[in-house]
Amino acid sequence: MARRLTSWRWAVLGLAALYFLVPLAASVVFTVDDPDGISFDAYTKILSTGGFVSSLLLSLELAVTTIVVVLLLMVPAVVALRLGAPRLRPVVEVVCSLPLVVPPIAFVAGIVSVLKWGPDHLSRTPLFQTFVAIQNPSFPVVLVLAYVVMALPFVYRALDAGLRAIDVRTLVEAARSCGASWPKALVRAVLPNLRGALLNAAFLTLALVLGEFTVAQLLGYQPFAVWIYNVGSDQAQMSVAVSVLSLLVTWALLLALAGAGGGRNRTAPSRG
């Protein structure tokens, strides 16, 4: 029975590897294919192509800002929910899952309606400058707000799973009994035990922001995913080459995250 289970595991892993590696290999072959033989021009020209560095930096800035904002919003909320109002957990879970059921087109249409409504009704108020500032092309804050909403389902799931693995109430009560304030109890007692959950939430948010296309394209901004699409309209090989490199970077981040979590588990002291 054990041998059969092992064989099935290897078969499933082999099929999964084929499912992911065959398209990746086909993409790599397409990028190096040349009438005169193998050429790596599609990769060597990436850095010199206009907009590559600026779009990549913009996506990274948006990702870092989104991670900081969504964690600042969700970590205190989820901890407070678990300590003070556990009965509201199903309601919060449904609210945080709404971005998964709202089509991106409808989501963008709502954002555009609000952005058009603001200047028409708030032109004589100080909030008018706020509407202008959040649409600054050099750093569109409106994209950060949109990405925070889109990341809520993933961040909530990651944090909720992390909180289920620890006794939050005991940690907070112990910190409070030692004279720590509520913010210090959260930072010094709870957050170190949520290290894995925070890393998972940050990675999921990073992957979401780097790969998001619909919202940025329809709002008229050009982060990394939109730049890849625009380059692909006239330089197909380079577009696929950039996509392959971005995929490899994402996999590297995932492996680094898995390695960090595994290292933490190995160094954790055994109980009993």
C-alpha atoms as a PDB file:
ATOM      1  CA  MET A   1       0.000   0.000   0.000  1.00  0.00           C
ATOM      2  CA  ALA A   2       2.836   2.398   0.841  1.00  0.00           C
ATOM      3  CA  ARG A   3       4.513   1.712  -2.509  1.00  0.00           C
ATOM      4  CA  ARG A   4       1.259   2.381  -4.361  1.00  0.00           C
ATOM      5  CA  LEU A   5       0.788   5.682  -2.549  1.00  0.00           C
ATOM      6  CA  THR A   6       4.367   6.676  -3.340  1.00  0.00           C
ATOM      7  CA  SER A   7       3.864   5.831  -7.010  1.00  0.00           C
ATOM      8  CA  TRP A   8       0.684   7.886  -7.169  1.00  0.00           C
ATOM      9  CA  ARG A   9       2.441  10.829  -5.530  1.00  0.00           C
ATOM     10  CA  TRP A  10       5.259  10.727  -8.071  1.00  0.00           C
ATOM     11  CA  ALA A  11       2.720  10.420 -10.896  1.00  0.00           C
ATOM     12  CA  VAL A  12       0.792  13.471  -9.681  1.00  0.00           C
ATOM     13  CA  LEU A  13       4.001  15.465  -9.209  1.00  0.00           C
ATOM     14  CA  GLY A  14       5.148  14.453 -12.706  1.00  0.00           C
ATOM     15  CA  LEU A  15       1.863  15.581 -14.276  1.00  0.00           C
ATOM     16  CA  ALA A  16       2.008  18.863 -12.362  1.00  0.00           C
ATOM     17  CA  ALA A  17       5.591  19.423 -13.501  1.00  0.00           C
ATOM     18  CA  LEU A  18       4.617  18.778 -17.130  1.00  0.00           C
ATOM     19  CA  TYR A  19       1.653  21.132 -16.801  1.00  0.00           C
ATOM     20  CA  PHE A  20       3.885  24.006 -15.657  1.00  0.00           C
ATOM     21  CA  LEU A  21       7.216  23.269 -17.312  1.00  0.00           C
ATOM     22  CA  VAL A  22       6.060  22.456 -20.850  1.00  0.00           C
ATOM     23  CA  PRO A  23       4.485  25.918 -21.465  1.00  0.00           C
ATOM     24  CA  LEU A  24       7.510  27.555 -19.844  1.00  0.00           C
ATOM     25  CA  ALA A  25       9.895  25.594 -22.077  1.00  0.00           C
ATOM     26  CA  ALA A  26       7.826  26.487 -25.144  1.00  0.00           C
ATOM     27  CA  SER A  27       8.019  30.162 -24.174  1.00  0.00           C
ATOM     28  CA  VAL A  28      11.799  29.978 -23.760  1.00  0.00           C
ATOM     29  CA  VAL A  29      12.156  28.279 -27.155  1.00  0.00           C
ATOM     30  CA  PHE A  30      10.049  31.003 -28.735  1.00  0.00           C
ATOM     31  CA  THR A  31      12.214  33.761 -27.260  1.00  0.00           C
ATOM     32  CA  VAL A  32      15.516  32.265 -28.512  1.00  0.00           C
ATOM     33  CA  ASP A  33      14.250  31.043 -31.886  1.00  0.00           C
ATOM     34  CA  ASP A  34      15.870  32.833 -34.815  1.00  0.00           C
ATOM     35  CA  PRO A  35      16.096  32.065 -38.554  1.00  0.00           C
ATOM     36  CA  ASP A  36      19.888  31.962 -38.233  1.00  0.00           C
ATOM     37  CA  GLY A  37      19.863  29.765 -35.114  1.00  0.00           C
ATOM     38  CA  ILE A  38      19.607  30.477 -31.408  1.00  0.00           C
ATOM     39  CA  SER A  39      19.650  34.129 -30.371  1.00  0.00           C
ATOM     40  CA  PHE A  40      19.368  35.762 -26.959  1.00  0.00           C
ATOM     41  CA  ASP A  41      18.689  39.253 -28.279  1.00  0.00           C
ATOM     42  CA  ALA A  42      15.229  39.258 -26.708  1.00  0.00           C
ATOM     43  CA  TYR A  43      16.842  39.016 -23.267  1.00  0.00           C
ATOM     44  CA  THR A  44      19.805  41.314 -23.840  1.00  0.00           C
ATOM     45  CA  LYS A  45      17.587  44.134 -25.112  1.00  0.00           C
ATOM     46  CA  ILE A  46      15.225  44.150 -22.150  1.00  0.00           C
ATOM     47  CA  LEU A  47      17.183  46.614 -20.012  1.00  0.00           C
ATOM     48  CA  SER A  48      17.683  49.039 -22.889  1.00  0.00           C
ATOM     49  CA  THR A  49      14.002  49.096 -23.857  1.00  0.00           C
ATOM     50  CA  GLY A  50      12.203  52.287 -22.918  1.00  0.00           C
ATOM     51  CA  GLY A  51       9.891  52.030 -19.945  1.00  0.00           C
ATOM     52  CA  PHE A  52      11.259  48.777 -18.531  1.00  0.00           C
ATOM     53  CA  VAL A  53      12.994  50.211 -15.477  1.00  0.00           C
ATOM     54  CA  SER A  54      10.348  52.849 -14.745  1.00  0.00           C
ATOM     55  CA  SER A  55       7.435  50.415 -15.028  1.00  0.00           C
ATOM     56  CA  LEU A  56       9.166  47.775 -12.908  1.00  0.00           C
ATOM     57  CA  LEU A  57      10.039  50.319 -10.214  1.00  0.00           C
ATOM     58  CA  LEU A  58       6.475  51.624 -10.252  1.00  0.00           C
ATOM     59  CA  SER A  59       5.088  48.108  -9.763  1.00  0.00           C
ATOM     60  CA  LEU A  60       7.519  47.432  -6.902  1.00  0.00           C
ATOM     61  CA  GLU A  61       6.630  50.738  -5.231  1.00  0.00           C
ATOM     62  CA  LEU A  62       2.938  49.987  -5.589  1.00  0.00           C
ATOM     63  CA  ALA A  63       3.482  46.484  -4.208  1.00  0.00           C
ATOM     64  CA  VAL A  64       5.434  47.646  -1.140  1.00  0.00           C
ATOM     65  CA  THR A  65       2.913  50.389  -0.373  1.00  0.00           C
ATOM     66  CA  THR A  66      -0.013  48.008  -0.822  1.00  0.00           C
ATOM     67  CA  ILE A  67       1.580  45.438   1.487  1.00  0.00           C
ATOM     68  CA  VAL A  68       2.179  48.034   4.203  1.00  0.00           C
ATOM     69  CA  VAL A  69      -1.336  49.512   3.971  1.00  0.00           C
ATOM     70  CA  VAL A  70      -3.207  46.204   3.860  1.00  0.00           C
ATOM     71  CA  LEU A  71      -1.232  44.749   6.773  1.00  0.00           C
ATOM     72  CA  LEU A  72      -1.730  47.902   8.858  1.00  0.00           C
ATOM     73  CA  LEU A  73      -5.458  47.605   8.230  1.00  0.00           C
ATOM     74  CA  MET A  74      -5.930  43.851   8.566  1.00  0.00           C
ATOM     75  CA  VAL A  75      -3.592  42.773  11.386  1.00  0.00           C
ATOM     76  CA  PRO A  76      -5.210  44.921  14.142  1.00  0.00           C
ATOM     77  CA  ALA A  77      -8.669  44.212  12.738  1.00  0.00           C
ATOM     78  CA  VAL A  78      -8.228  40.429  12.673  1.00  0.00           C
ATOM     79  CA  VAL A  79      -6.641  40.354  16.140  1.00  0.00           C
ATOM     80  CA  ALA A  80      -9.399  42.546  17.589  1.00  0.00           C
ATOM     81  CA  LEU A  81     -11.997  40.376  15.870  1.00  0.00           C
ATOM     82  CA  ARG A  82     -10.557  37.219  17.392  1.00  0.00           C
ATOM     83  CA  LEU A  83     -10.266  38.718  20.877  1.00  0.00           C
ATOM     84  CA  GLY A  84     -13.390  40.822  21.176  1.00  0.00           C
ATOM     85  CA  ALA A  85     -15.990  39.754  18.618  1.00  0.00           C
ATOM     86  CA  PRO A  86     -15.476  36.175  17.393  1.00  0.00           C
ATOM     87  CA  ARG A  87     -19.147  35.950  16.399  1.00  0.00           C
ATOM     88  CA  LEU A  88     -18.579  38.576  13.719  1.00  0.00           C
ATOM     89  CA  ARG A  89     -15.972  36.413  12.018  1.00  0.00           C
ATOM     90  CA  PRO A  90     -18.371  35.008   9.365  1.00  0.00           C
ATOM     91  CA  VAL A  91     -19.517  38.545   8.501  1.00  0.00           C
ATOM     92  CA  VAL A  92     -15.947  39.826   8.117  1.00  0.00           C
ATOM     93  CA  GLU A  93     -15.026  36.759   6.097  1.00  0.00           C
ATOM     94  CA  VAL A  94     -17.882  37.388   3.659  1.00  0.00           C
ATOM     95  CA  VAL A  95     -17.005  41.094   3.353  1.00  0.00           C
ATOM     96  CA  CYS A  96     -13.332  40.327   2.692  1.00  0.00           C
ATOM     97  CA  SER A  97     -14.310  37.747   0.077  1.00  0.00           C
ATOM     98  CA  LEU A  98     -16.446  40.159  -1.955  1.00  0.00           C
ATOM     99  CA  PRO A  99     -13.539  41.249  -4.234  1.00  0.00           C
ATOM    100  CA  LEU A 100     -13.410  37.667  -5.519  1.00  0.00           C
ATOM    101  CA  VAL A 101     -16.999  37.785  -6.807  1.00  0.00           C
ATOM    102  CA  VAL A 102     -16.987  41.332  -8.202  1.00  0.00           C
ATOM    103  CA  PRO A 103     -15.735  41.356 -11.835  1.00  0.00           C
ATOM    104  CA  PRO A 104     -12.685  43.585 -12.369  1.00  0.00           C
ATOM    105  CA  ILE A 105     -14.541  45.467 -15.114  1.00  0.00           C
ATOM    106  CA  ALA A 106     -17.344  46.386 -12.709  1.00  0.00           C
ATOM    107  CA  PHE A 107     -14.786  47.290 -10.043  1.00  0.00           C
ATOM    108  CA  VAL A 108     -12.971  49.646 -12.422  1.00  0.00           C
ATOM    109  CA  ALA A 109     -16.264  51.128 -13.611  1.00  0.00           C
ATOM    110  CA  GLY A 110     -17.098  52.033 -10.025  1.00  0.00           C
ATOM    111  CA  ILE A 111     -13.671  53.623  -9.495  1.00  0.00           C
ATOM    112  CA  VAL A 112     -14.016  55.665 -12.700  1.00  0.00           C
ATOM    113  CA  SER A 113     -17.480  56.850 -11.651  1.00  0.00           C
ATOM    114  CA  VAL A 114     -16.135  58.058  -8.308  1.00  0.00           C
ATOM    115  CA  LEU A 115     -13.152  59.788  -9.943  1.00  0.00           C
ATOM    116  CA  LYS A 116     -15.499  61.582 -12.351  1.00  0.00           C
ATOM    117  CA  TRP A 117     -17.950  62.497  -9.604  1.00  0.00           C
ATOM    118  CA  GLY A 118     -15.283  64.095  -7.404  1.00  0.00           C
ATOM    119  CA  PRO A 119     -14.179  66.995  -9.636  1.00  0.00           C
ATOM    120  CA  ASP A 120     -17.768  67.791 -10.610  1.00  0.00           C
ATOM    121  CA  HIS A 121     -19.059  68.110  -7.043  1.00  0.00           C
ATOM    122  CA  LEU A 122     -15.940  68.949  -5.020  1.00  0.00           C
ATOM    123  CA  SER A 123     -14.220  71.473  -7.267  1.00  0.00           C
ATOM    124  CA  ARG A 124     -14.674  74.263  -4.692  1.00  0.00           C
ATOM    125  CA  THR A 125     -13.538  72.238  -1.697  1.00  0.00           C
ATOM    126  CA  PRO A 126     -10.098  71.160  -0.457  1.00  0.00           C
ATOM    127  CA  LEU A 127     -10.946  67.562  -1.363  1.00  0.00           C
ATOM    128  CA  PHE A 128     -10.577  68.446  -5.033  1.00  0.00           C
ATOM    129  CA  GLN A 129      -6.792  68.482  -4.656  1.00  0.00           C
ATOM    130  CA  THR A 130      -7.023  65.066  -3.024  1.00  0.00           C
ATOM    131  CA  PHE A 131      -8.748  63.641  -6.102  1.00  0.00           C
ATOM    132  CA  VAL A 132      -6.013  65.158  -8.252  1.00  0.00           C
ATOM    133  CA  ALA A 133      -3.187  63.877  -6.034  1.00  0.00           C
ATOM    134  CA  ILE A 134      -4.348  60.263  -5.923  1.00  0.00           C
ATOM    135  CA  GLN A 135      -4.287  60.171  -9.741  1.00  0.00           C
ATOM    136  CA  ASN A 136      -0.687  61.358 -10.086  1.00  0.00           C
ATOM    137  CA  PRO A 137       0.846  59.247 -12.906  1.00  0.00           C
ATOM    138  CA  SER A 138       4.250  59.102 -11.190  1.00  0.00           C
ATOM    139  CA  PHE A 139       2.671  57.275  -8.244  1.00  0.00           C
ATOM    140  CA  PRO A 140      -1.074  56.599  -8.631  1.00  0.00           C
ATOM    141  CA  VAL A 141      -2.425  56.209  -5.119  1.00  0.00           C
ATOM    142  CA  VAL A 142      -5.743  55.170  -6.630  1.00  0.00           C
ATOM    143  CA  LEU A 143      -4.073  51.938  -7.756  1.00  0.00           C
ATOM    144  CA  VAL A 144      -2.862  51.303  -4.207  1.00  0.00           C
ATOM    145  CA  LEU A 145      -6.409  51.716  -2.900  1.00  0.00           C
ATOM    146  CA  ALA A 146      -7.726  49.361  -5.570  1.00  0.00           C
ATOM    147  CA  TYR A 147      -5.021  46.767  -4.881  1.00  0.00           C
ATOM    148  CA  VAL A 148      -5.709  46.901  -1.139  1.00  0.00           C
ATOM    149  CA  VAL A 149      -9.325  45.956  -1.802  1.00  0.00           C
ATOM    150  CA  MET A 150      -8.311  43.199  -4.228  1.00  0.00           C
ATOM    151  CA  ALA A 151      -5.791  41.767  -1.748  1.00  0.00           C
ATOM    152  CA  LEU A 152      -8.249  41.549   1.163  1.00  0.00           C
ATOM    153  CA  PRO A 153      -9.363  37.931   0.517  1.00  0.00           C
ATOM    154  CA  PHE A 154      -5.813  36.605   0.362  1.00  0.00           C
ATOM    155  CA  VAL A 155      -4.481  38.621   3.293  1.00  0.00           C
ATOM    156  CA  TYR A 156      -7.454  37.748   5.494  1.00  0.00           C
ATOM    157  CA  ARG A 157      -7.112  34.021   4.773  1.00  0.00           C
ATOM    158  CA  ALA A 158      -3.375  34.056   5.484  1.00  0.00           C
ATOM    159  CA  LEU A 159      -3.728  36.001   8.747  1.00  0.00           C
ATOM    160  CA  ASP A 160      -6.714  33.974   9.907  1.00  0.00           C
ATOM    161  CA  ALA A 161      -4.806  30.733   9.380  1.00  0.00           C
ATOM    162  CA  GLY A 162      -1.853  32.132  11.312  1.00  0.00           C
ATOM    163  CA  LEU A 163      -4.025  33.268  14.218  1.00  0.00           C
ATOM    164  CA  ARG A 164      -5.684  29.861  14.454  1.00  0.00           C
ATOM    165  CA  ALA A 165      -2.274  28.295  15.053  1.00  0.00           C
ATOM    166  CA  ILE A 166      -1.517  30.399  18.160  1.00  0.00           C
ATOM    167  CA  ASP A 167      -3.277  31.298  21.403  1.00  0.00           C
ATOM    168  CA  VAL A 168      -3.714  35.025  20.837  1.00  0.00           C
ATOM    169  CA  ARG A 169      -5.679  35.674  24.001  1.00  0.00           C
ATOM    170  CA  THR A 170      -3.037  34.147  26.253  1.00  0.00           C
ATOM    171  CA  LEU A 171      -0.245  36.057  24.524  1.00  0.00           C
ATOM    172  CA  VAL A 172      -2.050  39.387  24.833  1.00  0.00           C
ATOM    173  CA  GLU A 173      -3.057  38.802  28.446  1.00  0.00           C
ATOM    174  CA  ALA A 174       0.511  37.848  29.352  1.00  0.00           C
ATOM    175  CA  ALA A 175       1.883  40.974  27.683  1.00  0.00           C
ATOM    176  CA  ARG A 176      -0.756  43.166  29.346  1.00  0.00           C
ATOM    177  CA  SER A 177      -0.002  41.646  32.759  1.00  0.00           C
ATOM    178  CA  CYS A 178       3.635  42.647  32.268  1.00  0.00           C
ATOM    179  CA  GLY A 179       2.576  46.277  31.800  1.00  0.00           C
ATOM    180  CA  ALA A 180       2.580  46.467  27.994  1.00  0.00           C
ATOM    181  CA  SER A 181       0.063  48.691  26.252  1.00  0.00           C
ATOM    182  CA  TRP A 182      -2.265  47.281  23.600  1.00  0.00           C
ATOM    183  CA  PRO A 183      -0.078  48.456  20.664  1.00  0.00           C
ATOM    184  CA  LYS A 184       3.073  47.133  22.345  1.00  0.00           C
ATOM    185  CA  ALA A 185       1.367  43.813  23.129  1.00  0.00           C
ATOM    186  CA  LEU A 186       0.407  43.506  19.485  1.00  0.00           C
ATOM    187  CA  VAL A 187       3.909  44.344  18.216  1.00  0.00           C
ATOM    188  CA  ARG A 188       6.003  42.484  20.800  1.00  0.00           C
ATOM    189  CA  ALA A 189       3.840  39.437  21.551  1.00  0.00           C
ATOM    190  CA  VAL A 190       1.536  38.719  18.616  1.00  0.00           C
ATOM    191  CA  LEU A 191       3.440  39.779  15.496  1.00  0.00           C
ATOM    192  CA  PRO A 192       6.550  37.605  16.126  1.00  0.00           C
ATOM    193  CA  ASN A 193       4.266  34.560  16.258  1.00  0.00           C
ATOM    194  CA  LEU A 194       2.579  35.624  13.007  1.00  0.00           C
ATOM    195  CA  ARG A 195       5.823  35.774  11.048  1.00  0.00           C
ATOM    196  CA  GLY A 196       4.847  33.004   8.639  1.00  0.00           C
ATOM    197  CA  ALA A 197       1.344  34.383   8.102  1.00  0.00           C
ATOM    198  CA  LEU A 198       2.694  37.884   7.472  1.00  0.00           C
ATOM    199  CA  LEU A 199       5.187  36.542   4.930  1.00  0.00           C
ATOM    200  CA  ASN A 200       2.438  34.596   3.159  1.00  0.00           C
ATOM    201  CA  ALA A 201       0.184  37.650   3.038  1.00  0.00           C
ATOM    202  CA  ALA A 202       3.017  39.846   1.770  1.00  0.00           C
ATOM    203  CA  PHE A 203       3.977  37.371  -0.941  1.00  0.00           C
ATOM    204  CA  LEU A 204       0.401  36.939  -2.156  1.00  0.00           C
ATOM    205  CA  THR A 205      -0.037  40.696  -2.301  1.00  0.00           C
ATOM    206  CA  LEU A 206       3.256  41.108  -4.153  1.00  0.00           C
ATOM    207  CA  ALA A 207       2.244  38.499  -6.734  1.00  0.00           C
ATOM    208  CA  LEU A 208      -1.163  40.152  -7.143  1.00  0.00           C
ATOM    209  CA  VAL A 209       0.268  43.635  -7.740  1.00  0.00           C
ATOM    210  CA  LEU A 210       3.025  42.491 -10.107  1.00  0.00           C
ATOM    211  CA  GLY A 211       0.592  40.511 -12.240  1.00  0.00           C
ATOM    212  CA  GLU A 212      -2.459  42.802 -12.166  1.00  0.00           C
ATOM    213  CA  PHE A 213      -3.379  44.193 -15.584  1.00  0.00           C
ATOM    214  CA  THR A 214      -7.076  45.044 -15.930  1.00  0.00           C
ATOM    215  CA  VAL A 215      -7.408  47.823 -13.361  1.00  0.00           C
ATOM    216  CA  ALA A 216      -4.165  49.579 -14.317  1.00  0.00           C
ATOM    217  CA  GLN A 217      -4.863  49.344 -18.053  1.00  0.00           C
ATOM    218  CA  LEU A 218      -8.420  50.665 -17.844  1.00  0.00           C
ATOM    219  CA  LEU A 219      -7.381  53.519 -15.538  1.00  0.00           C
ATOM    220  CA  GLY A 220      -4.633  54.528 -17.966  1.00  0.00           C
ATOM    221  CA  TYR A 221      -1.485  53.736 -15.960  1.00  0.00           C
ATOM    222  CA  GLN A 222       1.526  51.689 -17.012  1.00  0.00           C
ATOM    223  CA  PRO A 223       2.972  49.415 -14.337  1.00  0.00           C
ATOM    224  CA  PHE A 224       4.993  46.353 -15.255  1.00  0.00           C
ATOM    225  CA  ALA A 225       2.149  44.110 -16.479  1.00  0.00           C
ATOM    226  CA  VAL A 226       0.773  46.838 -18.749  1.00  0.00           C
ATOM    227  CA  TRP A 227       4.265  47.554 -20.089  1.00  0.00           C
ATOM    228  CA  ILE A 228       4.669  43.880 -21.017  1.00  0.00           C
ATOM    229  CA  TYR A 229       1.379  44.015 -22.916  1.00  0.00           C
ATOM    230  CA  ASN A 230       2.366  47.192 -24.752  1.00  0.00           C
ATOM    231  CA  VAL A 231       5.771  45.811 -25.693  1.00  0.00           C
ATOM    232  CA  GLY A 232       4.166  42.617 -26.951  1.00  0.00           C
ATOM    233  CA  SER A 233       2.127  44.540 -29.520  1.00  0.00           C
ATOM    234  CA  ASP A 234       5.240  45.134 -31.648  1.00  0.00           C
ATOM    235  CA  GLN A 235       7.986  43.001 -29.993  1.00  0.00           C
ATOM    236  CA  ALA A 236       6.476  39.621 -29.264  1.00  0.00           C
ATOM    237  CA  GLN A 237       9.715  37.822 -28.416  1.00  0.00           C
ATOM    238  CA  MET A 238      10.783  40.475 -25.918  1.00  0.00           C
ATOM    239  CA  SER A 239       7.351  40.467 -24.298  1.00  0.00           C
ATOM    240  CA  VAL A 240       7.522  36.697 -23.753  1.00  0.00           C
ATOM    241  CA  ALA A 241      11.118  37.007 -22.516  1.00  0.00           C
ATOM    242  CA  VAL A 242      10.078  39.560 -19.899  1.00  0.00           C
ATOM    243  CA  SER A 243       7.164  37.337 -18.884  1.00  0.00           C
ATOM    244  CA  VAL A 244       9.506  34.372 -18.449  1.00  0.00           C
ATOM    245  CA  LEU A 245      11.888  36.418 -16.316  1.00  0.00           C
ATOM    246  CA  SER A 246       9.040  37.767 -14.161  1.00  0.00           C
ATOM    247  CA  LEU A 247       7.734  34.230 -13.675  1.00  0.00           C
ATOM    248  CA  LEU A 248      11.158  32.984 -12.619  1.00  0.00           C
ATOM    249  CA  VAL A 249      11.501  35.869 -10.147  1.00  0.00           C
ATOM    250  CA  THR A 250       8.088  35.018  -8.686  1.00  0.00           C
ATOM    251  CA  TRP A 251       9.075  31.369  -8.297  1.00  0.00           C
ATOM    252  CA  ALA A 252      12.348  32.421  -6.654  1.00  0.00           C
ATOM    253  CA  LEU A 253      10.428  34.512  -4.128  1.00  0.00           C
ATOM    254  CA  LEU A 254       8.108  31.589  -3.422  1.00  0.00           C
ATOM    255  CA  LEU A 255      11.043  29.219  -2.861  1.00  0.00           C
ATOM    256  CA  ALA A 256      12.751  31.779  -0.618  1.00  0.00           C
ATOM    257  CA  LEU A 257       9.558  32.139   1.402  1.00  0.00           C
ATOM    258  CA  ALA A 258       9.197  28.358   1.703  1.00  0.00           C
ATOM    259  CA  GLY A 259      12.837  28.074   2.746  1.00  0.00           C
ATOM    260  CA  ALA A 260      12.423  30.779   5.391  1.00  0.00           C
ATOM    261  CA  GLY A 261       9.373  29.039   6.811  1.00  0.00           C
ATOM    262  CA  GLY A 262      11.118  25.667   6.790  1.00  0.00           C
ATOM    263  CA  GLY A 263      14.174  27.105   8.488  1.00  0.00           C
ATOM    264  CA  ARG A 264      12.000  28.641  11.188  1.00  0.00           C
ATOM    265  CA  ASN A 265      10.278  25.328  11.815  1.00  0.00           C
ATOM    266  CA  ARG A 266      13.592  23.477  12.064  1.00  0.00           C
ATOM    267  CA  THR A 267      14.985  25.957  14.589  1.00  0.00           C
ATOM    268  CA  ALA A 268      11.823  25.972  16.706  1.00  0.00           C
ATOM    269  CA  PRO A 269      12.350  24.174  20.029  1.00  0.00           C
ATOM    270  CA  SER A 270      10.535  20.877  20.390  1.00  0.00           C
ATOM    271  CA  ARG A 271       7.873  20.496  23.070  1.00  0.00           C
ATOM    272  CA  GLY A 272       7.632  17.541  25.282  1.00  0.00           C
END
